[in-house]
Amino acid sequence: MWIGLSLGIGIAVSIILPFPLSLAAIFGIFILLSMYMRKMMIKRMGAGRGGGIFGSGSGGEKLRYYCMNCGTEHNQLACPKCGSKMKKVGG
């Protein structure tokens, strides 16, 4: 849909304006249309209100990391209990 819309606007602008102005106008309209579509997609995914692609963003619950070796919950680089650096994300 968005390709047809930009193509139609480009053809209409190229008919109305002379060559150098139409080229600049078409590029400007294409950039503005792309920014608008991006804004709408971000709003649709919910990133504008605290959510995001991966659920709740900075305003939601914290991620919990568990050691894959002993199961201890921690947020450090290495497990404080066994020293393992392998961890998994849990709910």
N, C-alpha and C. Protein backbone atom coordinates (compact mmCIF):
# COMPACT_ATOMS: atom_id res chain seq x y z
N MET A 1 0.83 -1.19 0.00
CA MET A 1 0.00 0.00 0.00
C MET A 1 0.87 1.25 0.00
N TRP A 2 1.91 1.24 0.81
CA TRP A 2 2.73 2.44 0.96
C TRP A 2 3.55 2.70 -0.28
N ILE A 3 3.91 1.66 -1.02
CA ILE A 3 4.65 1.84 -2.27
C ILE A 3 3.73 2.49 -3.32
N GLY A 4 2.50 2.05 -3.41
CA GLY A 4 1.55 2.64 -4.34
C GLY A 4 1.23 4.08 -4.00
N LEU A 5 1.13 4.37 -2.71
CA LEU A 5 0.86 5.74 -2.28
C LEU A 5 2.01 6.66 -2.64
N SER A 6 3.23 6.23 -2.37
CA SER A 6 4.38 7.08 -2.69
C SER A 6 4.56 7.22 -4.21
N LEU A 7 4.30 6.17 -4.95
CA LEU A 7 4.38 6.25 -6.41
C LEU A 7 3.35 7.21 -6.97
N GLY A 8 2.13 7.14 -6.47
CA GLY A 8 1.07 8.05 -6.92
C GLY A 8 1.38 9.50 -6.60
N ILE A 9 1.88 9.75 -5.39
CA ILE A 9 2.25 11.12 -5.02
C ILE A 9 3.41 11.60 -5.88
N GLY A 10 4.37 10.73 -6.14
CA GLY A 10 5.51 11.10 -6.98
C GLY A 10 5.12 11.47 -8.39
N ILE A 11 4.20 10.71 -8.97
CA ILE A 11 3.73 11.01 -10.33
C ILE A 11 2.96 12.32 -10.35
N ALA A 12 2.11 12.53 -9.34
CA ALA A 12 1.33 13.77 -9.29
C ALA A 12 2.24 14.99 -9.14
N VAL A 13 3.25 14.89 -8.28
CA VAL A 13 4.18 16.01 -8.08
C VAL A 13 5.00 16.26 -9.34
N SER A 14 5.42 15.20 -10.01
CA SER A 14 6.23 15.38 -11.23
C SER A 14 5.43 16.00 -12.37
N ILE A 15 4.13 15.81 -12.38
CA ILE A 15 3.29 16.44 -13.40
C ILE A 15 3.07 17.92 -13.08
N ILE A 16 2.90 18.24 -11.81
CA ILE A 16 2.58 19.60 -11.40
C ILE A 16 3.81 20.52 -11.43
N LEU A 17 4.93 20.06 -10.88
CA LEU A 17 6.12 20.91 -10.76
C LEU A 17 7.13 20.64 -11.88
N PRO A 18 7.95 21.63 -12.23
CA PRO A 18 9.01 21.41 -13.21
C PRO A 18 10.09 20.50 -12.64
N PHE A 19 10.99 20.02 -13.51
CA PHE A 19 11.93 18.95 -13.17
C PHE A 19 12.77 19.16 -11.91
N PRO A 20 13.57 20.17 -11.78
CA PRO A 20 14.43 20.20 -10.57
C PRO A 20 13.62 20.29 -9.28
N LEU A 21 12.53 21.04 -9.30
CA LEU A 21 11.71 21.17 -8.09
C LEU A 21 10.96 19.87 -7.78
N SER A 22 10.49 19.21 -8.82
CA SER A 22 9.74 17.97 -8.59
C SER A 22 10.63 16.89 -7.97
N LEU A 23 11.88 16.82 -8.41
CA LEU A 23 12.80 15.81 -7.86
C LEU A 23 13.04 16.04 -6.38
N ALA A 24 13.29 17.30 -6.00
CA ALA A 24 13.50 17.64 -4.59
C ALA A 24 12.22 17.39 -3.78
N ALA A 25 11.07 17.75 -4.35
CA ALA A 25 9.81 17.55 -3.64
C ALA A 25 9.50 16.07 -3.45
N ILE A 26 9.79 15.27 -4.46
CA ILE A 26 9.53 13.83 -4.36
C ILE A 26 10.41 13.21 -3.28
N PHE A 27 11.69 13.59 -3.23
CA PHE A 27 12.57 13.08 -2.17
C PHE A 27 12.08 13.51 -0.79
N GLY A 28 11.68 14.76 -0.66
CA GLY A 28 11.18 15.26 0.61
C GLY A 28 9.91 14.54 1.05
N ILE A 29 9.00 14.35 0.14
CA ILE A 29 7.75 13.65 0.46
C ILE A 29 8.03 12.19 0.82
N PHE A 30 8.94 11.56 0.11
CA PHE A 30 9.30 10.17 0.40
C PHE A 30 9.88 10.04 1.81
N ILE A 31 10.75 10.96 2.19
CA ILE A 31 11.35 10.91 3.53
C ILE A 31 10.29 11.17 4.60
N LEU A 32 9.44 12.17 4.40
CA LEU A 32 8.38 12.45 5.38
C LEU A 32 7.40 11.29 5.50
N LEU A 33 7.06 10.68 4.38
CA LEU A 33 6.14 9.54 4.40
C LEU A 33 6.77 8.35 5.12
N SER A 34 8.06 8.15 4.92
CA SER A 34 8.76 7.07 5.61
C SER A 34 8.79 7.30 7.11
N MET A 35 9.05 8.55 7.52
CA MET A 35 9.06 8.86 8.95
C MET A 35 7.68 8.67 9.57
N TYR A 36 6.64 9.05 8.84
CA TYR A 36 5.27 8.87 9.34
C TYR A 36 4.93 7.39 9.50
N MET A 37 5.28 6.59 8.49
CA MET A 37 4.98 5.15 8.56
C MET A 37 5.75 4.50 9.70
N ARG A 38 7.00 4.92 9.92
CA ARG A 38 7.79 4.38 11.02
C ARG A 38 7.15 4.73 12.36
N LYS A 39 6.70 5.97 12.50
CA LYS A 39 6.05 6.40 13.74
C LYS A 39 4.79 5.59 14.00
N MET A 40 4.02 5.34 12.96
CA MET A 40 2.79 4.56 13.12
C MET A 40 3.11 3.11 13.50
N MET A 41 4.15 2.52 12.93
CA MET A 41 4.52 1.14 13.27
C MET A 41 5.00 1.04 14.71
N ILE A 42 5.77 2.03 15.16
CA ILE A 42 6.25 2.02 16.55
C ILE A 42 5.07 2.17 17.50
N LYS A 43 4.13 3.04 17.16
CA LYS A 43 2.95 3.20 18.00
C LYS A 43 2.12 1.93 18.03
N ARG A 44 2.01 1.25 16.88
CA ARG A 44 1.22 0.02 16.80
C ARG A 44 1.84 -1.09 17.64
N MET A 45 3.19 -1.14 17.70
CA MET A 45 3.86 -2.17 18.50
C MET A 45 3.83 -1.85 19.99
N GLY A 46 3.47 -0.63 20.35
CA GLY A 46 3.34 -0.29 21.76
C GLY A 46 4.59 0.26 22.39
N ALA A 47 5.61 0.60 21.62
CA ALA A 47 6.85 1.10 22.20
C ALA A 47 6.70 2.53 22.71
N GLY A 48 5.70 3.25 22.27
CA GLY A 48 5.53 4.63 22.69
C GLY A 48 4.95 4.77 24.08
N ARG A 49 4.41 3.72 24.67
CA ARG A 49 3.78 3.84 25.98
C ARG A 49 4.38 2.89 27.00
N GLY A 50 5.69 2.73 27.00
CA GLY A 50 6.35 1.93 28.02
C GLY A 50 6.58 0.50 27.61
N GLY A 51 5.84 0.00 26.64
CA GLY A 51 6.04 -1.36 26.18
C GLY A 51 7.12 -1.37 25.13
N GLY A 52 7.15 -2.40 24.33
CA GLY A 52 8.15 -2.46 23.29
C GLY A 52 8.05 -3.74 22.52
N ILE A 53 9.06 -4.04 21.78
CA ILE A 53 9.07 -5.25 20.98
C ILE A 53 9.12 -6.47 21.89
N PHE A 54 9.87 -6.37 22.98
CA PHE A 54 10.07 -7.51 23.87
C PHE A 54 9.27 -7.37 25.15
N GLY A 55 8.06 -6.86 25.06
CA GLY A 55 7.21 -6.74 26.23
C GLY A 55 7.43 -5.42 26.93
N SER A 56 7.45 -5.45 28.26
CA SER A 56 7.57 -4.22 29.01
C SER A 56 9.00 -3.73 28.97
N GLY A 57 9.16 -2.46 28.72
CA GLY A 57 10.49 -1.88 28.59
C GLY A 57 11.04 -1.43 29.93
N SER A 58 11.43 -0.17 30.02
CA SER A 58 12.07 0.34 31.22
C SER A 58 11.08 0.53 32.36
N GLY A 59 9.80 0.67 32.08
CA GLY A 59 8.84 0.93 33.13
C GLY A 59 8.25 -0.32 33.76
N GLY A 60 8.53 -1.47 33.25
CA GLY A 60 7.91 -2.70 33.74
C GLY A 60 8.75 -3.44 34.74
N GLU A 61 8.58 -4.72 34.75
CA GLU A 61 9.29 -5.56 35.70
C GLU A 61 10.72 -5.83 35.26
N LYS A 62 11.60 -6.07 36.23
CA LYS A 62 13.00 -6.33 35.93
C LYS A 62 13.17 -7.76 35.45
N LEU A 63 14.16 -7.98 34.62
CA LEU A 63 14.49 -9.32 34.19
C LEU A 63 15.24 -10.04 35.30
N ARG A 64 14.99 -11.31 35.43
CA ARG A 64 15.67 -12.10 36.44
C ARG A 64 16.61 -13.08 35.74
N TYR A 65 17.85 -13.08 36.16
CA TYR A 65 18.85 -13.97 35.59
C TYR A 65 19.16 -15.08 36.59
N TYR A 66 19.23 -16.31 36.08
CA TYR A 66 19.51 -17.47 36.91
C TYR A 66 20.75 -18.17 36.38
N CYS A 67 21.59 -18.63 37.29
CA CYS A 67 22.78 -19.38 36.91
C CYS A 67 22.35 -20.70 36.30
N MET A 68 22.96 -21.07 35.19
CA MET A 68 22.60 -22.32 34.54
C MET A 68 23.24 -23.52 35.23
N ASN A 69 24.23 -23.26 36.05
CA ASN A 69 24.92 -24.35 36.74
C ASN A 69 24.22 -24.72 38.05
N CYS A 70 23.95 -23.71 38.91
CA CYS A 70 23.39 -24.02 40.23
C CYS A 70 21.99 -23.46 40.44
N GLY A 71 21.51 -22.57 39.56
CA GLY A 71 20.15 -22.06 39.68
C GLY A 71 20.00 -20.83 40.55
N THR A 72 21.08 -20.24 41.01
CA THR A 72 21.01 -19.06 41.86
C THR A 72 20.60 -17.83 41.04
N GLU A 73 19.68 -17.03 41.59
CA GLU A 73 19.27 -15.80 40.92
C GLU A 73 20.28 -14.70 41.22
N HIS A 74 20.78 -14.03 40.18
CA HIS A 74 21.75 -12.94 40.36
C HIS A 74 21.76 -12.06 39.12
N ASN A 75 22.30 -10.84 39.27
CA ASN A 75 22.42 -9.91 38.16
C ASN A 75 23.88 -9.53 37.93
N GLN A 76 24.79 -10.35 38.31
CA GLN A 76 26.21 -10.07 38.15
C GLN A 76 26.75 -10.81 36.94
N LEU A 77 28.00 -10.51 36.59
CA LEU A 77 28.62 -11.17 35.45
C LEU A 77 28.81 -12.66 35.72
N ALA A 78 29.39 -12.97 36.87
CA ALA A 78 29.60 -14.36 37.26
C ALA A 78 28.74 -14.67 38.47
N CYS A 79 28.34 -15.92 38.60
CA CYS A 79 27.50 -16.35 39.72
C CYS A 79 28.29 -16.19 41.02
N PRO A 80 27.68 -15.56 42.03
CA PRO A 80 28.39 -15.40 43.30
C PRO A 80 28.55 -16.72 44.06
N LYS A 81 27.75 -17.71 43.74
CA LYS A 81 27.80 -18.99 44.46
C LYS A 81 28.81 -19.96 43.86
N CYS A 82 28.76 -20.14 42.54
CA CYS A 82 29.63 -21.15 41.92
C CYS A 82 30.67 -20.56 40.97
N GLY A 83 30.52 -19.28 40.57
CA GLY A 83 31.49 -18.65 39.69
C GLY A 83 31.23 -18.84 38.20
N SER A 84 30.18 -19.52 37.85
CA SER A 84 29.86 -19.76 36.44
C SER A 84 29.40 -18.46 35.77
N LYS A 85 29.76 -18.27 34.52
CA LYS A 85 29.36 -17.06 33.80
C LYS A 85 28.16 -17.33 32.89
N MET A 86 27.66 -18.54 32.88
CA MET A 86 26.50 -18.87 32.05
C MET A 86 25.23 -18.62 32.85
N LYS A 87 24.31 -17.84 32.26
CA LYS A 87 23.06 -17.56 32.94
C LYS A 87 21.92 -17.55 31.93
N LYS A 88 20.70 -17.74 32.46
CA LYS A 88 19.51 -17.72 31.62
C LYS A 88 18.52 -16.73 32.19
N VAL A 89 17.62 -16.24 31.36
CA VAL A 89 16.61 -15.30 31.79
C VAL A 89 15.39 -16.07 32.21
N GLY A 90 14.85 -15.71 33.36
CA GLY A 90 13.66 -16.37 33.88
C GLY A 90 12.57 -15.36 34.13
N GLY A 91 11.39 -15.84 34.37
CA GLY A 91 10.24 -14.97 34.60
C GLY A 91 10.09 -14.70 36.00
